[in-house]
Amino acid sequence: MTSWADAIASAISAAQDAAGEAISYKRGADSRQIVAVRTRSRNVQQGGEASLIEYSELNWLIKASDLPYLPESGDTIEDASANTWRVLPNSGQPPYEAVDPDETLLSVRVKRV
């Protein structure tokens, strides 16, 4: 590993130790028990007075090596409180962003369902 990769790996481990949560990442019948970090939470409102829809969005930081595939729209995450979060599409882009140049850490956008 390079010193940059070592620094990223150390930062990921520190974040997981400090703020990580056990989650179930699911795609179809496949379910993976991993540790992820909850970030950037916000409540969203859509619609007008007659049909107001409110939901929660947030991002999960997930180590790419914890999954055998990249996140896709429609995958789900169940947190330790049994809340279910659905991975969201991102206007034709992947529903995740790489946090670092080597793509070892992914920020996955989800909506509570």
N, C-alpha and C. Protein backbone atom coordinates (compact mmCIF):
# COMPACT_ATOMS: atom_id res chain seq x y z
N MET A 1 0.83 -1.19 0.00
CA MET A 1 0.00 0.00 0.00
C MET A 1 0.87 1.25 0.00
N THR A 2 0.35 2.29 -0.61
CA THR A 2 1.04 3.58 -0.56
C THR A 2 0.71 4.27 0.75
N SER A 3 1.44 5.32 1.07
CA SER A 3 1.15 6.05 2.31
C SER A 3 -0.24 6.67 2.25
N TRP A 4 -0.70 7.09 1.05
CA TRP A 4 -2.05 7.64 0.89
C TRP A 4 -3.09 6.55 1.19
N ALA A 5 -2.92 5.40 0.63
CA ALA A 5 -3.87 4.30 0.87
C ALA A 5 -3.87 3.88 2.34
N ASP A 6 -2.69 3.87 2.96
CA ASP A 6 -2.61 3.56 4.39
C ASP A 6 -3.37 4.58 5.21
N ALA A 7 -3.24 5.86 4.87
CA ALA A 7 -3.93 6.93 5.59
C ALA A 7 -5.44 6.80 5.44
N ILE A 8 -5.90 6.49 4.24
CA ILE A 8 -7.34 6.30 3.99
C ILE A 8 -7.85 5.10 4.79
N ALA A 9 -7.13 4.00 4.76
CA ALA A 9 -7.55 2.80 5.50
C ALA A 9 -7.62 3.09 7.00
N SER A 10 -6.67 3.84 7.50
CA SER A 10 -6.68 4.19 8.92
C SER A 10 -7.87 5.09 9.26
N ALA A 11 -8.15 6.06 8.40
CA ALA A 11 -9.29 6.96 8.63
C ALA A 11 -10.61 6.21 8.58
N ILE A 12 -10.74 5.26 7.66
CA ILE A 12 -11.96 4.46 7.56
C ILE A 12 -12.15 3.64 8.83
N SER A 13 -11.10 3.00 9.28
CA SER A 13 -11.19 2.20 10.50
C SER A 13 -11.56 3.06 11.70
N ALA A 14 -10.97 4.25 11.80
CA ALA A 14 -11.28 5.15 12.92
C ALA A 14 -12.73 5.59 12.88
N ALA A 15 -13.24 5.90 11.70
CA ALA A 15 -14.65 6.31 11.57
C ALA A 15 -15.58 5.17 11.94
N GLN A 16 -15.26 3.96 11.50
CA GLN A 16 -16.10 2.81 11.84
C GLN A 16 -16.07 2.54 13.35
N ASP A 17 -14.90 2.67 13.96
CA ASP A 17 -14.79 2.45 15.40
C ASP A 17 -15.57 3.50 16.18
N ALA A 18 -15.52 4.76 15.74
CA ALA A 18 -16.15 5.85 16.47
C ALA A 18 -17.65 5.96 16.23
N ALA A 19 -18.08 5.73 14.99
CA ALA A 19 -19.48 6.01 14.65
C ALA A 19 -20.15 4.91 13.83
N GLY A 20 -19.50 3.77 13.69
CA GLY A 20 -20.03 2.70 12.86
C GLY A 20 -21.25 2.02 13.47
N GLU A 21 -22.13 1.56 12.61
CA GLU A 21 -23.33 0.81 13.01
C GLU A 21 -23.37 -0.50 12.24
N ALA A 22 -23.85 -1.53 12.90
CA ALA A 22 -24.06 -2.80 12.21
C ALA A 22 -25.31 -2.65 11.35
N ILE A 23 -25.18 -2.97 10.07
CA ILE A 23 -26.32 -2.91 9.15
C ILE A 23 -26.39 -4.20 8.34
N SER A 24 -27.54 -4.42 7.73
CA SER A 24 -27.72 -5.49 6.76
C SER A 24 -27.87 -4.83 5.40
N TYR A 25 -26.94 -5.11 4.50
CA TYR A 25 -27.03 -4.59 3.13
C TYR A 25 -27.63 -5.71 2.29
N LYS A 26 -28.75 -5.42 1.60
CA LYS A 26 -29.49 -6.46 0.89
C LYS A 26 -29.69 -6.14 -0.58
N ARG A 27 -29.52 -7.18 -1.37
CA ARG A 27 -29.86 -7.15 -2.80
C ARG A 27 -30.54 -8.47 -3.10
N GLY A 28 -31.84 -8.41 -3.37
CA GLY A 28 -32.58 -9.65 -3.61
C GLY A 28 -32.45 -10.56 -2.41
N ALA A 29 -32.07 -11.82 -2.63
CA ALA A 29 -31.93 -12.80 -1.56
C ALA A 29 -30.58 -12.68 -0.83
N ASP A 30 -29.65 -11.90 -1.39
CA ASP A 30 -28.33 -11.75 -0.78
C ASP A 30 -28.38 -10.71 0.33
N SER A 31 -27.85 -11.04 1.50
CA SER A 31 -27.80 -10.12 2.63
C SER A 31 -26.41 -10.18 3.25
N ARG A 32 -25.80 -9.00 3.45
CA ARG A 32 -24.46 -8.91 4.02
C ARG A 32 -24.53 -8.13 5.33
N GLN A 33 -23.93 -8.66 6.38
CA GLN A 33 -23.85 -7.96 7.66
C GLN A 33 -22.52 -7.21 7.68
N ILE A 34 -22.59 -5.88 7.68
CA ILE A 34 -21.38 -5.06 7.63
C ILE A 34 -21.51 -3.89 8.62
N VAL A 35 -20.43 -3.14 8.76
CA VAL A 35 -20.43 -1.94 9.58
C VAL A 35 -20.34 -0.74 8.64
N ALA A 36 -21.23 0.25 8.84
CA ALA A 36 -21.25 1.45 8.02
C ALA A 36 -21.42 2.67 8.92
N VAL A 37 -21.12 3.83 8.37
CA VAL A 37 -21.24 5.08 9.13
C VAL A 37 -22.34 5.93 8.50
N ARG A 38 -23.29 6.33 9.34
CA ARG A 38 -24.42 7.16 8.90
C ARG A 38 -23.96 8.62 8.82
N THR A 39 -24.25 9.30 7.69
CA THR A 39 -23.84 10.70 7.50
C THR A 39 -24.93 11.49 6.80
N ARG A 40 -24.78 12.77 6.75
CA ARG A 40 -25.61 13.72 5.99
C ARG A 40 -27.10 13.39 5.97
N SER A 41 -27.74 13.41 7.11
CA SER A 41 -29.17 13.15 7.20
C SER A 41 -29.95 14.43 6.92
N ARG A 42 -31.09 14.29 6.22
CA ARG A 42 -31.97 15.44 6.01
C ARG A 42 -33.39 14.95 5.78
N ASN A 43 -34.34 15.78 6.17
CA ASN A 43 -35.74 15.50 5.88
C ASN A 43 -36.13 16.26 4.64
N VAL A 44 -36.91 15.61 3.76
CA VAL A 44 -37.30 16.19 2.49
C VAL A 44 -38.82 16.25 2.42
N GLN A 45 -39.34 17.35 1.90
CA GLN A 45 -40.77 17.48 1.67
C GLN A 45 -41.01 17.71 0.20
N GLN A 46 -42.01 16.99 -0.36
CA GLN A 46 -42.36 17.15 -1.76
C GLN A 46 -43.87 17.31 -1.86
N GLY A 47 -44.31 18.04 -2.86
CA GLY A 47 -45.73 18.21 -3.09
C GLY A 47 -46.24 19.51 -2.53
N GLY A 48 -47.56 19.66 -2.60
CA GLY A 48 -48.20 20.87 -2.11
C GLY A 48 -48.99 20.59 -0.85
N GLU A 49 -49.83 21.55 -0.47
CA GLU A 49 -50.61 21.42 0.76
C GLU A 49 -51.52 20.21 0.75
N ALA A 50 -52.12 19.90 -0.39
CA ALA A 50 -53.09 18.80 -0.47
C ALA A 50 -52.42 17.43 -0.43
N SER A 51 -51.20 17.33 -0.93
CA SER A 51 -50.54 16.03 -0.99
C SER A 51 -49.07 16.16 -0.64
N LEU A 52 -48.80 16.52 0.58
CA LEU A 52 -47.44 16.69 1.04
C LEU A 52 -46.84 15.33 1.40
N ILE A 53 -45.67 15.03 0.85
CA ILE A 53 -44.95 13.80 1.15
C ILE A 53 -43.66 14.21 1.86
N GLU A 54 -43.41 13.59 3.00
CA GLU A 54 -42.19 13.87 3.75
C GLU A 54 -41.44 12.57 3.96
N TYR A 55 -40.12 12.60 3.73
CA TYR A 55 -39.31 11.41 3.95
C TYR A 55 -37.90 11.82 4.37
N SER A 56 -37.16 10.86 4.85
CA SER A 56 -35.78 11.10 5.30
C SER A 56 -34.80 10.55 4.28
N GLU A 57 -33.76 11.32 4.01
CA GLU A 57 -32.65 10.88 3.17
C GLU A 57 -31.38 10.95 3.99
N LEU A 58 -30.45 10.09 3.69
CA LEU A 58 -29.13 10.19 4.29
C LEU A 58 -28.15 9.42 3.43
N ASN A 59 -26.89 9.49 3.82
CA ASN A 59 -25.84 8.74 3.15
C ASN A 59 -25.21 7.79 4.16
N TRP A 60 -24.83 6.62 3.70
CA TRP A 60 -24.06 5.66 4.49
C TRP A 60 -22.67 5.57 3.89
N LEU A 61 -21.65 5.63 4.71
CA LEU A 61 -20.28 5.38 4.26
C LEU A 61 -20.00 3.89 4.42
N ILE A 62 -19.68 3.24 3.31
CA ILE A 62 -19.48 1.80 3.28
C ILE A 62 -18.14 1.49 2.62
N LYS A 63 -17.36 0.61 3.23
CA LYS A 63 -16.13 0.16 2.60
C LYS A 63 -16.49 -0.68 1.38
N ALA A 64 -15.91 -0.34 0.23
CA ALA A 64 -16.19 -1.07 -1.00
C ALA A 64 -15.87 -2.54 -0.86
N SER A 65 -14.85 -2.87 -0.09
CA SER A 65 -14.45 -4.28 0.06
C SER A 65 -15.44 -5.09 0.91
N ASP A 66 -16.38 -4.42 1.58
CA ASP A 66 -17.39 -5.14 2.37
C ASP A 66 -18.51 -5.72 1.52
N LEU A 67 -18.59 -5.28 0.26
CA LEU A 67 -19.64 -5.77 -0.64
C LEU A 67 -19.00 -6.45 -1.85
N PRO A 68 -19.62 -7.52 -2.35
CA PRO A 68 -19.07 -8.19 -3.53
C PRO A 68 -19.51 -7.51 -4.83
N TYR A 69 -20.25 -6.42 -4.72
CA TYR A 69 -20.77 -5.69 -5.87
C TYR A 69 -20.86 -4.21 -5.50
N LEU A 70 -21.03 -3.36 -6.49
CA LEU A 70 -21.25 -1.94 -6.22
C LEU A 70 -22.72 -1.69 -5.94
N PRO A 71 -23.05 -0.72 -5.10
CA PRO A 71 -24.45 -0.43 -4.80
C PRO A 71 -25.24 -0.09 -6.05
N GLU A 72 -26.50 -0.55 -6.07
CA GLU A 72 -27.41 -0.26 -7.17
C GLU A 72 -28.72 0.27 -6.62
N SER A 73 -29.39 1.08 -7.42
CA SER A 73 -30.70 1.57 -7.05
C SER A 73 -31.62 0.38 -6.76
N GLY A 74 -32.35 0.45 -5.66
CA GLY A 74 -33.24 -0.64 -5.28
C GLY A 74 -32.68 -1.54 -4.19
N ASP A 75 -31.35 -1.56 -3.99
CA ASP A 75 -30.78 -2.29 -2.87
C ASP A 75 -31.35 -1.69 -1.58
N THR A 76 -31.34 -2.45 -0.50
CA THR A 76 -31.84 -1.91 0.76
C THR A 76 -30.83 -2.09 1.88
N ILE A 77 -30.95 -1.23 2.87
CA ILE A 77 -30.15 -1.29 4.08
C ILE A 77 -31.10 -1.32 5.26
N GLU A 78 -30.88 -2.27 6.17
CA GLU A 78 -31.64 -2.29 7.41
C GLU A 78 -30.67 -1.95 8.54
N ASP A 79 -31.02 -0.89 9.31
CA ASP A 79 -30.14 -0.49 10.40
C ASP A 79 -30.47 -1.27 11.68
N ALA A 80 -29.73 -1.00 12.75
CA ALA A 80 -29.89 -1.74 14.00
C ALA A 80 -31.25 -1.51 14.66
N SER A 81 -31.93 -0.42 14.28
CA SER A 81 -33.28 -0.13 14.82
C SER A 81 -34.37 -0.69 13.94
N ALA A 82 -34.02 -1.52 12.97
CA ALA A 82 -34.95 -2.15 12.02
C ALA A 82 -35.59 -1.16 11.06
N ASN A 83 -34.97 0.02 10.87
CA ASN A 83 -35.42 0.94 9.83
C ASN A 83 -34.89 0.44 8.49
N THR A 84 -35.69 0.55 7.46
CA THR A 84 -35.28 0.13 6.12
C THR A 84 -35.03 1.36 5.26
N TRP A 85 -33.89 1.34 4.58
CA TRP A 85 -33.46 2.43 3.71
C TRP A 85 -33.26 1.86 2.31
N ARG A 86 -33.78 2.54 1.28
CA ARG A 86 -33.63 2.08 -0.10
C ARG A 86 -32.59 2.94 -0.82
N VAL A 87 -31.68 2.28 -1.52
CA VAL A 87 -30.67 2.98 -2.31
C VAL A 87 -31.38 3.71 -3.45
N LEU A 88 -31.08 5.00 -3.61
CA LEU A 88 -31.78 5.85 -4.57
C LEU A 88 -31.01 6.02 -5.87
N PRO A 89 -31.75 6.17 -6.97
CA PRO A 89 -31.09 6.53 -8.22
C PRO A 89 -30.56 7.96 -8.12
N ASN A 90 -29.61 8.30 -8.99
CA ASN A 90 -28.97 9.61 -8.92
C ASN A 90 -28.88 10.22 -10.31
N SER A 91 -30.01 10.50 -10.94
CA SER A 91 -30.08 11.18 -12.25
C SER A 91 -29.14 10.57 -13.28
N GLY A 92 -29.22 9.27 -13.48
CA GLY A 92 -28.40 8.61 -14.47
C GLY A 92 -26.99 8.28 -14.01
N GLN A 93 -26.62 8.70 -12.82
CA GLN A 93 -25.31 8.41 -12.25
C GLN A 93 -25.45 7.26 -11.26
N PRO A 94 -24.36 6.62 -10.89
CA PRO A 94 -24.44 5.58 -9.86
C PRO A 94 -25.00 6.18 -8.56
N PRO A 95 -25.70 5.38 -7.75
CA PRO A 95 -26.30 5.89 -6.51
C PRO A 95 -25.29 6.00 -5.37
N TYR A 96 -24.04 6.10 -5.71
CA TYR A 96 -22.98 6.24 -4.71
C TYR A 96 -21.90 7.14 -5.28
N GLU A 97 -21.09 7.67 -4.40
CA GLU A 97 -19.90 8.43 -4.80
C GLU A 97 -18.70 7.84 -4.10
N ALA A 98 -17.60 7.76 -4.81
CA ALA A 98 -16.35 7.35 -4.17
C ALA A 98 -15.85 8.51 -3.33
N VAL A 99 -15.47 8.23 -2.11
CA VAL A 99 -15.00 9.27 -1.20
C VAL A 99 -13.51 9.56 -1.41
N ASP A 100 -12.79 8.57 -1.90
CA ASP A 100 -11.34 8.70 -2.07
C ASP A 100 -10.96 8.29 -3.49
N PRO A 101 -9.78 8.69 -3.96
CA PRO A 101 -9.37 8.39 -5.33
C PRO A 101 -9.29 6.90 -5.66
N ASP A 102 -8.99 6.06 -4.67
CA ASP A 102 -8.88 4.63 -4.91
C ASP A 102 -10.22 3.89 -4.78
N GLU A 103 -11.29 4.64 -4.50
CA GLU A 103 -12.64 4.09 -4.36
C GLU A 103 -12.72 2.98 -3.32
N THR A 104 -12.03 3.17 -2.20
CA THR A 104 -12.10 2.18 -1.12
C THR A 104 -13.28 2.46 -0.19
N LEU A 105 -13.79 3.70 -0.21
CA LEU A 105 -14.91 4.09 0.63
C LEU A 105 -15.98 4.73 -0.25
N LEU A 106 -17.22 4.24 -0.10
CA LEU A 106 -18.33 4.72 -0.92
C LEU A 106 -19.35 5.44 -0.04
N SER A 107 -19.88 6.55 -0.54
CA SER A 107 -20.98 7.25 0.10
C SER A 107 -22.24 6.88 -0.67
N VAL A 108 -23.14 6.15 -0.01
CA VAL A 108 -24.33 5.59 -0.67
C VAL A 108 -25.55 6.38 -0.22
N ARG A 109 -26.28 6.95 -1.18
CA ARG A 109 -27.46 7.77 -0.91
C ARG A 109 -28.69 6.87 -0.77
N VAL A 110 -29.45 7.07 0.32
CA VAL A 110 -30.62 6.24 0.58
C VAL A 110 -31.80 7.08 1.06
N LYS A 111 -33.00 6.48 0.96
CA LYS A 111 -34.23 7.10 1.45
C LYS A 111 -34.92 6.09 2.36
N ARG A 112 -35.43 6.55 3.49
CA ARG A 112 -36.14 5.66 4.41
C ARG A 112 -37.49 5.27 3.81
N VAL A 113 -37.77 3.97 3.85
CA VAL A 113 -39.03 3.46 3.31
C VAL A 113 -39.89 2.85 4.40
